[in-house]
Amino acid sequence: MHGDEQRELAMNKRLAWLAALMFQASVAGAVSAEELIPFDAPAGTAIFAHAQANASAWELLRFYETQSDTAFCGVASSVIVLNSLGITAPISPEIYPYRMFNQTNFFTDKVLLIKTQKAVSMEGLELEQLAAMLGTFGVKVEVHHADQLGSVDEFRRVASAALADPGKRIIVNYLRRSLGQEGGGHHSPLAAYDAQTDRFLILDVARYRLPPVWVTANDLWAAIDTVDNDAQKKRGLLVISR
């Protein structure tokens, strides 16, 4: 074997060794305590089994649905929340005489005055716009921007208290990229909080590509404590009640 061939063989061995190390590192990272845990994974169902702040989880899961448009995350989240609270919905011809919110009849005359369905489809919704839309249905909506909350401890306190109250619901506005997901700003309801693991359960309304996940309070706070460039404000969360 010539010298060049020996050097090439040695280089290939080193590259193979480095590739093996990188693979091991990626596997180790995949089981990190800080990663997202799918709700339907064994670890995810185990967390749900002992989570205490889950007073409205089953109501939310009953009405959990997928956003019908790639920009309708706020609309789908609102529909889930309003249905789970038992708010009287507009008439829906498809199920008459029964009533239920869907992502079409959500756009009432009052909602359309805030933003049209076409505009939402093109631009999405800012946190304040979503709060105003929900308010037209007679519910109480508390807006908490990240800079008002100020810290992960205050976020955890506000969110976990609401999740322990059967009469309250939460929609979070967060930056997907901060959680290692593809995409930008996103809205979804929270369904539970587990103090033992310090994780929140996000019912991601983009169900066509991502499952509900458990995320640590620190990671979710970091994703919320980001700027919505359209609104020129920090993201945050809504606490909704009858």
C-alpha atoms as a PDB file:
ATOM      1  CA  MET A   1       0.000   0.000   0.000  1.00  0.00           C
ATOM      2  CA  HIS A   2       1.388   3.377  -1.033  1.00  0.00           C
ATOM      3  CA  GLY A   3       1.791   6.286   1.362  1.00  0.00           C
ATOM      4  CA  ASP A   4      -1.090   8.240  -0.179  1.00  0.00           C
ATOM      5  CA  GLU A   5      -3.380   5.227   0.169  1.00  0.00           C
ATOM      6  CA  GLN A   6      -2.340   4.752   3.806  1.00  0.00           C
ATOM      7  CA  ARG A   7      -3.039   8.396   4.565  1.00  0.00           C
ATOM      8  CA  GLU A   8      -6.438   8.160   2.842  1.00  0.00           C
ATOM      9  CA  LEU A   9      -7.322   5.036   4.809  1.00  0.00           C
ATOM     10  CA  ALA A  10      -6.282   6.679   8.061  1.00  0.00           C
ATOM     11  CA  MET A  11      -8.356   9.761   7.206  1.00  0.00           C
ATOM     12  CA  ASN A  12     -11.400   7.615   6.427  1.00  0.00           C
ATOM     13  CA  LYS A  13     -11.045   5.856   9.782  1.00  0.00           C
ATOM     14  CA  ARG A  14     -10.876   9.181  11.599  1.00  0.00           C
ATOM     15  CA  LEU A  15     -13.954  10.441   9.721  1.00  0.00           C
ATOM     16  CA  ALA A  16     -15.825   7.252  10.581  1.00  0.00           C
ATOM     17  CA  TRP A  17     -14.814   7.654  14.232  1.00  0.00           C
ATOM     18  CA  LEU A  18     -16.011  11.293  14.249  1.00  0.00           C
ATOM     19  CA  ALA A  19     -19.292  10.296  12.598  1.00  0.00           C
ATOM     20  CA  ALA A  20     -19.827   7.665  15.298  1.00  0.00           C
ATOM     21  CA  LEU A  21     -19.188  10.226  18.019  1.00  0.00           C
ATOM     22  CA  MET A  22     -21.624  12.672  16.417  1.00  0.00           C
ATOM     23  CA  PHE A  23     -24.275   9.953  16.172  1.00  0.00           C
ATOM     24  CA  GLN A  24     -23.818   9.073  19.848  1.00  0.00           C
ATOM     25  CA  ALA A  25     -24.084  12.746  20.777  1.00  0.00           C
ATOM     26  CA  SER A  26     -27.302  13.109  18.782  1.00  0.00           C
ATOM     27  CA  VAL A  27     -28.801  10.051  20.472  1.00  0.00           C
ATOM     28  CA  ALA A  28     -27.801  11.386  23.882  1.00  0.00           C
ATOM     29  CA  GLY A  29     -29.418  14.712  23.007  1.00  0.00           C
ATOM     30  CA  ALA A  30     -32.616  12.941  21.955  1.00  0.00           C
ATOM     31  CA  VAL A  31     -33.207  11.729  25.484  1.00  0.00           C
ATOM     32  CA  SER A  32     -32.321  15.006  27.161  1.00  0.00           C
ATOM     33  CA  ALA A  33     -34.664  16.070  29.945  1.00  0.00           C
ATOM     34  CA  GLU A  34     -35.049  19.398  28.151  1.00  0.00           C
ATOM     35  CA  GLU A  35     -36.538  18.021  24.916  1.00  0.00           C
ATOM     36  CA  LEU A  36     -40.162  17.956  23.858  1.00  0.00           C
ATOM     37  CA  ILE A  37     -41.992  14.814  24.960  1.00  0.00           C
ATOM     38  CA  PRO A  38     -44.921  13.701  22.747  1.00  0.00           C
ATOM     39  CA  PHE A  39     -48.155  13.311  24.691  1.00  0.00           C
ATOM     40  CA  ASP A  40     -48.766   9.829  23.267  1.00  0.00           C
ATOM     41  CA  ALA A  41     -45.264   8.544  24.068  1.00  0.00           C
ATOM     42  CA  PRO A  42     -44.919   6.327  27.176  1.00  0.00           C
ATOM     43  CA  ALA A  43     -43.114   9.134  29.003  1.00  0.00           C
ATOM     44  CA  GLY A  44     -45.817  11.604  27.963  1.00  0.00           C
ATOM     45  CA  THR A  45     -48.718   9.482  29.192  1.00  0.00           C
ATOM     46  CA  ALA A  46     -46.843   8.838  32.445  1.00  0.00           C
ATOM     47  CA  ILE A  47     -46.501  12.582  33.044  1.00  0.00           C
ATOM     48  CA  PHE A  48     -50.212  13.103  32.366  1.00  0.00           C
ATOM     49  CA  ALA A  49     -51.086  10.385  34.860  1.00  0.00           C
ATOM     50  CA  HIS A  50     -49.604  12.353  37.765  1.00  0.00           C
ATOM     51  CA  ALA A  51     -50.088  15.934  36.532  1.00  0.00           C
ATOM     52  CA  GLN A  52     -52.260  17.811  39.021  1.00  0.00           C
ATOM     53  CA  ALA A  53     -52.978  21.079  37.180  1.00  0.00           C
ATOM     54  CA  ASN A  54     -55.223  19.568  34.512  1.00  0.00           C
ATOM     55  CA  ALA A  55     -58.720  20.663  35.571  1.00  0.00           C
ATOM     56  CA  SER A  56     -59.915  21.293  31.996  1.00  0.00           C
ATOM     57  CA  ALA A  57     -57.753  18.792  30.112  1.00  0.00           C
ATOM     58  CA  TRP A  58     -60.532  16.356  29.227  1.00  0.00           C
ATOM     59  CA  GLU A  59     -62.884  19.126  28.073  1.00  0.00           C
ATOM     60  CA  LEU A  60     -60.136  20.522  25.833  1.00  0.00           C
ATOM     61  CA  LEU A  61     -59.258  17.089  24.470  1.00  0.00           C
ATOM     62  CA  ARG A  62     -62.929  16.449  23.686  1.00  0.00           C
ATOM     63  CA  PHE A  63     -62.976  19.476  21.360  1.00  0.00           C
ATOM     64  CA  TYR A  64     -59.343  19.353  20.196  1.00  0.00           C
ATOM     65  CA  GLU A  65     -59.129  19.964  16.452  1.00  0.00           C
ATOM     66  CA  THR A  66     -56.685  20.767  13.667  1.00  0.00           C
ATOM     67  CA  GLN A  67     -56.335  24.263  12.250  1.00  0.00           C
ATOM     68  CA  SER A  68     -58.031  24.342   8.835  1.00  0.00           C
ATOM     69  CA  ASP A  69     -55.611  26.902   7.381  1.00  0.00           C
ATOM     70  CA  THR A  70     -51.880  27.248   7.977  1.00  0.00           C
ATOM     71  CA  ALA A  71     -52.531  30.685   9.528  1.00  0.00           C
ATOM     72  CA  PHE A  72     -55.594  29.677  11.573  1.00  0.00           C
ATOM     73  CA  CYS A  73     -53.741  28.529  14.706  1.00  0.00           C
ATOM     74  CA  GLY A  74     -55.370  31.307  16.749  1.00  0.00           C
ATOM     75  CA  VAL A  75     -58.797  30.577  15.272  1.00  0.00           C
ATOM     76  CA  ALA A  76     -58.565  26.832  15.959  1.00  0.00           C
ATOM     77  CA  SER A  77     -57.305  27.475  19.493  1.00  0.00           C
ATOM     78  CA  SER A  78     -60.240  29.820  20.131  1.00  0.00           C
ATOM     79  CA  VAL A  79     -62.770  27.310  18.807  1.00  0.00           C
ATOM     80  CA  ILE A  80     -61.399  24.610  21.117  1.00  0.00           C
ATOM     81  CA  VAL A  81     -61.496  26.925  24.121  1.00  0.00           C
ATOM     82  CA  LEU A  82     -65.004  28.305  23.450  1.00  0.00           C
ATOM     83  CA  ASN A  83     -66.472  24.849  22.892  1.00  0.00           C
ATOM     84  CA  SER A  84     -64.801  23.503  26.024  1.00  0.00           C
ATOM     85  CA  LEU A  85     -66.254  26.380  28.081  1.00  0.00           C
ATOM     86  CA  GLY A  86     -69.764  25.655  26.816  1.00  0.00           C
ATOM     87  CA  ILE A  87     -70.226  29.090  25.245  1.00  0.00           C
ATOM     88  CA  THR A  88     -73.302  29.268  22.987  1.00  0.00           C
ATOM     89  CA  ALA A  89     -72.095  29.049  19.404  1.00  0.00           C
ATOM     90  CA  PRO A  90     -73.566  30.678  16.292  1.00  0.00           C
ATOM     91  CA  ILE A  91     -75.919  28.547  14.218  1.00  0.00           C
ATOM     92  CA  SER A  92     -74.116  26.064  11.996  1.00  0.00           C
ATOM     93  CA  PRO A  93     -76.286  24.809   9.082  1.00  0.00           C
ATOM     94  CA  GLU A  94     -74.353  21.525   8.903  1.00  0.00           C
ATOM     95  CA  ILE A  95     -75.506  20.382  12.346  1.00  0.00           C
ATOM     96  CA  TYR A  96     -78.714  22.397  12.830  1.00  0.00           C
ATOM     97  CA  PRO A  97     -80.507  22.521  15.284  1.00  0.00           C
ATOM     98  CA  TYR A  98     -77.376  21.810  17.316  1.00  0.00           C
ATOM     99  CA  ARG A  99     -74.701  24.434  17.889  1.00  0.00           C
ATOM    100  CA  MET A 100     -70.950  24.183  17.967  1.00  0.00           C
ATOM    101  CA  PHE A 101     -68.112  26.547  17.163  1.00  0.00           C
ATOM    102  CA  ASN A 102     -66.073  25.802  14.068  1.00  0.00           C
ATOM    103  CA  GLN A 103     -63.420  27.700  12.154  1.00  0.00           C
ATOM    104  CA  THR A 104     -66.005  29.213   9.819  1.00  0.00           C
ATOM    105  CA  ASN A 105     -68.785  30.377  12.135  1.00  0.00           C
ATOM    106  CA  PHE A 106     -66.140  31.817  14.473  1.00  0.00           C
ATOM    107  CA  PHE A 107     -65.995  34.735  12.018  1.00  0.00           C
ATOM    108  CA  THR A 108     -69.148  36.523  13.167  1.00  0.00           C
ATOM    109  CA  ASP A 109     -69.924  40.115  12.190  1.00  0.00           C
ATOM    110  CA  LYS A 110     -68.217  41.360  15.345  1.00  0.00           C
ATOM    111  CA  VAL A 111     -65.107  39.269  14.725  1.00  0.00           C
ATOM    112  CA  LEU A 112     -64.921  40.434  11.114  1.00  0.00           C
ATOM    113  CA  LEU A 113     -64.781  44.036  12.308  1.00  0.00           C
ATOM    114  CA  ILE A 114     -61.481  43.172  14.025  1.00  0.00           C
ATOM    115  CA  LYS A 115     -59.975  41.234  11.122  1.00  0.00           C
ATOM    116  CA  THR A 116     -61.445  39.493   8.101  1.00  0.00           C
ATOM    117  CA  GLN A 117     -61.127  35.786   7.445  1.00  0.00           C
ATOM    118  CA  LYS A 118     -59.054  36.515   4.331  1.00  0.00           C
ATOM    119  CA  ALA A 119     -56.699  38.812   6.246  1.00  0.00           C
ATOM    120  CA  VAL A 120     -56.208  36.213   8.981  1.00  0.00           C
ATOM    121  CA  SER A 121     -55.445  33.608   6.324  1.00  0.00           C
ATOM    122  CA  MET A 122     -52.783  35.877   4.857  1.00  0.00           C
ATOM    123  CA  GLU A 123     -51.300  37.391   8.017  1.00  0.00           C
ATOM    124  CA  GLY A 124     -52.292  35.330  11.043  1.00  0.00           C
ATOM    125  CA  LEU A 125     -53.273  36.973  14.323  1.00  0.00           C
ATOM    126  CA  GLU A 126     -51.479  39.039  16.924  1.00  0.00           C
ATOM    127  CA  LEU A 127     -52.152  38.277  20.586  1.00  0.00           C
ATOM    128  CA  GLU A 128     -54.211  41.454  21.142  1.00  0.00           C
ATOM    129  CA  GLN A 129     -56.322  40.769  18.040  1.00  0.00           C
ATOM    130  CA  LEU A 130     -57.068  37.241  19.217  1.00  0.00           C
ATOM    131  CA  ALA A 131     -58.023  38.547  22.661  1.00  0.00           C
ATOM    132  CA  ALA A 132     -60.399  41.086  21.108  1.00  0.00           C
ATOM    133  CA  MET A 133     -62.038  38.411  18.959  1.00  0.00           C
ATOM    134  CA  LEU A 134     -62.584  36.110  21.926  1.00  0.00           C
ATOM    135  CA  GLY A 135     -64.019  39.010  23.910  1.00  0.00           C
ATOM    136  CA  THR A 136     -66.870  39.382  21.404  1.00  0.00           C
ATOM    137  CA  PHE A 137     -68.301  36.075  22.648  1.00  0.00           C
ATOM    138  CA  GLY A 138     -68.869  37.349  26.166  1.00  0.00           C
ATOM    139  CA  VAL A 139     -65.908  35.654  27.827  1.00  0.00           C
ATOM    140  CA  LYS A 140     -63.376  37.350  30.083  1.00  0.00           C
ATOM    141  CA  VAL A 141     -59.915  37.523  28.518  1.00  0.00           C
ATOM    142  CA  GLU A 142     -56.755  38.428  30.421  1.00  0.00           C
ATOM    143  CA  VAL A 143     -53.765  39.344  28.242  1.00  0.00           C
ATOM    144  CA  HIS A 144     -50.322  38.632  29.711  1.00  0.00           C
ATOM    145  CA  HIS A 145     -47.386  39.734  27.573  1.00  0.00           C
ATOM    146  CA  ALA A 146     -43.991  38.297  28.476  1.00  0.00           C
ATOM    147  CA  ASP A 147     -42.549  41.664  29.492  1.00  0.00           C
ATOM    148  CA  GLN A 148     -45.488  42.132  31.878  1.00  0.00           C
ATOM    149  CA  LEU A 149     -44.977  38.711  33.442  1.00  0.00           C
ATOM    150  CA  GLY A 150     -41.269  39.437  33.733  1.00  0.00           C
ATOM    151  CA  SER A 151     -39.950  35.990  34.631  1.00  0.00           C
ATOM    152  CA  VAL A 152     -40.431  32.270  34.189  1.00  0.00           C
ATOM    153  CA  ASP A 153     -41.510  32.048  37.842  1.00  0.00           C
ATOM    154  CA  GLU A 154     -44.412  34.458  37.299  1.00  0.00           C
ATOM    155  CA  PHE A 155     -45.339  32.736  34.038  1.00  0.00           C
ATOM    156  CA  ARG A 156     -45.370  29.361  35.817  1.00  0.00           C
ATOM    157  CA  ARG A 157     -47.500  30.765  38.646  1.00  0.00           C
ATOM    158  CA  VAL A 158     -50.104  32.363  36.375  1.00  0.00           C
ATOM    159  CA  ALA A 159     -50.315  29.459  33.935  1.00  0.00           C
ATOM    160  CA  SER A 160     -50.380  26.632  36.487  1.00  0.00           C
ATOM    161  CA  ALA A 161     -53.038  28.414  38.581  1.00  0.00           C
ATOM    162  CA  ALA A 162     -55.283  28.793  35.525  1.00  0.00           C
ATOM    163  CA  LEU A 163     -54.781  25.162  34.532  1.00  0.00           C
ATOM    164  CA  ALA A 164     -55.854  24.070  38.013  1.00  0.00           C
ATOM    165  CA  ASP A 165     -59.103  26.088  37.699  1.00  0.00           C
ATOM    166  CA  PRO A 166     -61.883  24.229  35.826  1.00  0.00           C
ATOM    167  CA  GLY A 167     -63.391  27.541  34.729  1.00  0.00           C
ATOM    168  CA  LYS A 168     -60.274  28.887  32.992  1.00  0.00           C
ATOM    169  CA  ARG A 169     -58.443  28.144  29.756  1.00  0.00           C
ATOM    170  CA  ILE A 170     -55.058  29.240  28.363  1.00  0.00           C
ATOM    171  CA  ILE A 171     -53.855  29.997  24.860  1.00  0.00           C
ATOM    172  CA  VAL A 172     -50.121  30.597  24.476  1.00  0.00           C
ATOM    173  CA  ASN A 173     -48.427  32.568  21.709  1.00  0.00           C
ATOM    174  CA  TYR A 174     -44.859  31.358  21.221  1.00  0.00           C
ATOM    175  CA  LEU A 175     -42.028  31.157  18.702  1.00  0.00           C
ATOM    176  CA  ARG A 176     -41.703  27.659  17.267  1.00  0.00           C
ATOM    177  CA  ARG A 177     -38.022  28.028  16.380  1.00  0.00           C
ATOM    178  CA  SER A 178     -37.230  28.592  20.047  1.00  0.00           C
ATOM    179  CA  LEU A 179     -38.512  25.054  20.716  1.00  0.00           C
ATOM    180  CA  GLY A 180     -36.489  23.589  17.861  1.00  0.00           C
ATOM    181  CA  GLN A 181     -39.542  23.326  15.599  1.00  0.00           C
ATOM    182  CA  GLU A 182     -39.936  24.619  12.055  1.00  0.00           C
ATOM    183  CA  GLY A 183     -41.986  27.778  11.683  1.00  0.00           C
ATOM    184  CA  GLY A 184     -42.472  31.151  13.327  1.00  0.00           C
ATOM    185  CA  GLY A 185     -45.075  32.491  15.739  1.00  0.00           C
ATOM    186  CA  HIS A 186     -47.833  30.088  16.764  1.00  0.00           C
ATOM    187  CA  HIS A 187     -50.916  29.885  19.008  1.00  0.00           C
ATOM    188  CA  SER A 188     -52.114  26.763  20.815  1.00  0.00           C
ATOM    189  CA  PRO A 189     -53.989  25.917  24.036  1.00  0.00           C
ATOM    190  CA  LEU A 190     -52.291  24.570  27.143  1.00  0.00           C
ATOM    191  CA  ALA A 191     -54.003  21.570  28.718  1.00  0.00           C
ATOM    192  CA  ALA A 192     -52.000  20.689  31.835  1.00  0.00           C
ATOM    193  CA  TYR A 193     -49.001  21.387  34.048  1.00  0.00           C
ATOM    194  CA  ASP A 194     -46.952  18.804  35.932  1.00  0.00           C
ATOM    195  CA  ALA A 195     -44.981  20.178  38.867  1.00  0.00           C
ATOM    196  CA  GLN A 196     -42.848  17.052  39.251  1.00  0.00           C
ATOM    197  CA  THR A 197     -41.260  17.454  35.821  1.00  0.00           C
ATOM    198  CA  ASP A 198     -42.002  21.197  35.547  1.00  0.00           C
ATOM    199  CA  ARG A 199     -43.609  20.701  32.133  1.00  0.00           C
ATOM    200  CA  PHE A 200     -46.641  22.125  30.346  1.00  0.00           C
ATOM    201  CA  LEU A 201     -48.754  20.203  27.838  1.00  0.00           C
ATOM    202  CA  ILE A 202     -49.266  22.101  24.560  1.00  0.00           C
ATOM    203  CA  LEU A 203     -52.204  20.932  22.431  1.00  0.00           C
ATOM    204  CA  ASP A 204     -50.585  21.901  19.149  1.00  0.00           C
ATOM    205  CA  VAL A 205     -53.358  22.702  16.659  1.00  0.00           C
ATOM    206  CA  ALA A 206     -51.089  21.917  13.684  1.00  0.00           C
ATOM    207  CA  ARG A 207     -51.944  18.246  14.158  1.00  0.00           C
ATOM    208  CA  TYR A 208     -51.196  17.423  10.526  1.00  0.00           C
ATOM    209  CA  ARG A 209     -47.486  17.634  11.316  1.00  0.00           C
ATOM    210  CA  LEU A 210     -46.884  17.853  15.076  1.00  0.00           C
ATOM    211  CA  PRO A 211     -48.375  16.066  18.103  1.00  0.00           C
ATOM    212  CA  PRO A 212     -49.309  17.537  21.491  1.00  0.00           C
ATOM    213  CA  VAL A 213     -46.086  17.826  23.508  1.00  0.00           C
ATOM    214  CA  TRP A 214     -44.845  18.301  27.045  1.00  0.00           C
ATOM    215  CA  VAL A 215     -42.334  21.156  27.236  1.00  0.00           C
ATOM    216  CA  THR A 216     -40.406  22.443  30.232  1.00  0.00           C
ATOM    217  CA  ALA A 217     -41.497  25.712  31.796  1.00  0.00           C
ATOM    218  CA  ASN A 218     -38.092  27.225  31.034  1.00  0.00           C
ATOM    219  CA  ASP A 219     -38.230  26.258  27.358  1.00  0.00           C
ATOM    220  CA  LEU A 220     -41.822  27.420  26.889  1.00  0.00           C
ATOM    221  CA  TRP A 221     -41.062  30.696  28.644  1.00  0.00           C
ATOM    222  CA  ALA A 222     -38.072  31.251  26.349  1.00  0.00           C
ATOM    223  CA  ALA A 223     -40.367  30.696  23.347  1.00  0.00           C
ATOM    224  CA  ILE A 224     -42.971  33.116  24.735  1.00  0.00           C
ATOM    225  CA  ASP A 225     -40.430  35.758  25.764  1.00  0.00           C
ATOM    226  CA  THR A 226     -39.813  36.695  22.124  1.00  0.00           C
ATOM    227  CA  VAL A 227     -40.904  39.608  19.948  1.00  0.00           C
ATOM    228  CA  ASP A 228     -43.789  39.397  17.483  1.00  0.00           C
ATOM    229  CA  ASN A 229     -42.384  41.567  14.696  1.00  0.00           C
ATOM    230  CA  ASP A 230     -45.840  42.341  13.286  1.00  0.00           C
ATOM    231  CA  ALA A 231     -47.176  43.601  16.611  1.00  0.00           C
ATOM    232  CA  GLN A 232     -43.827  44.989  17.764  1.00  0.00           C
ATOM    233  CA  LYS A 233     -44.617  43.496  21.170  1.00  0.00           C
ATOM    234  CA  LYS A 234     -43.525  40.513  23.185  1.00  0.00           C
ATOM    235  CA  ARG A 235     -45.573  37.357  22.776  1.00  0.00           C
ATOM    236  CA  GLY A 236     -47.501  36.040  25.748  1.00  0.00           C
ATOM    237  CA  LEU A 237     -50.607  34.168  26.803  1.00  0.00           C
ATOM    238  CA  LEU A 238     -54.346  34.605  27.196  1.00  0.00           C
ATOM    239  CA  VAL A 239     -56.323  33.422  30.214  1.00  0.00           C
ATOM    240  CA  ILE A 240     -59.962  32.945  29.195  1.00  0.00           C
ATOM    241  CA  SER A 241     -62.928  32.343  31.488  1.00  0.00           C
ATOM    242  CA  ARG A 242     -66.739  32.547  31.367  1.00  0.00           C
END
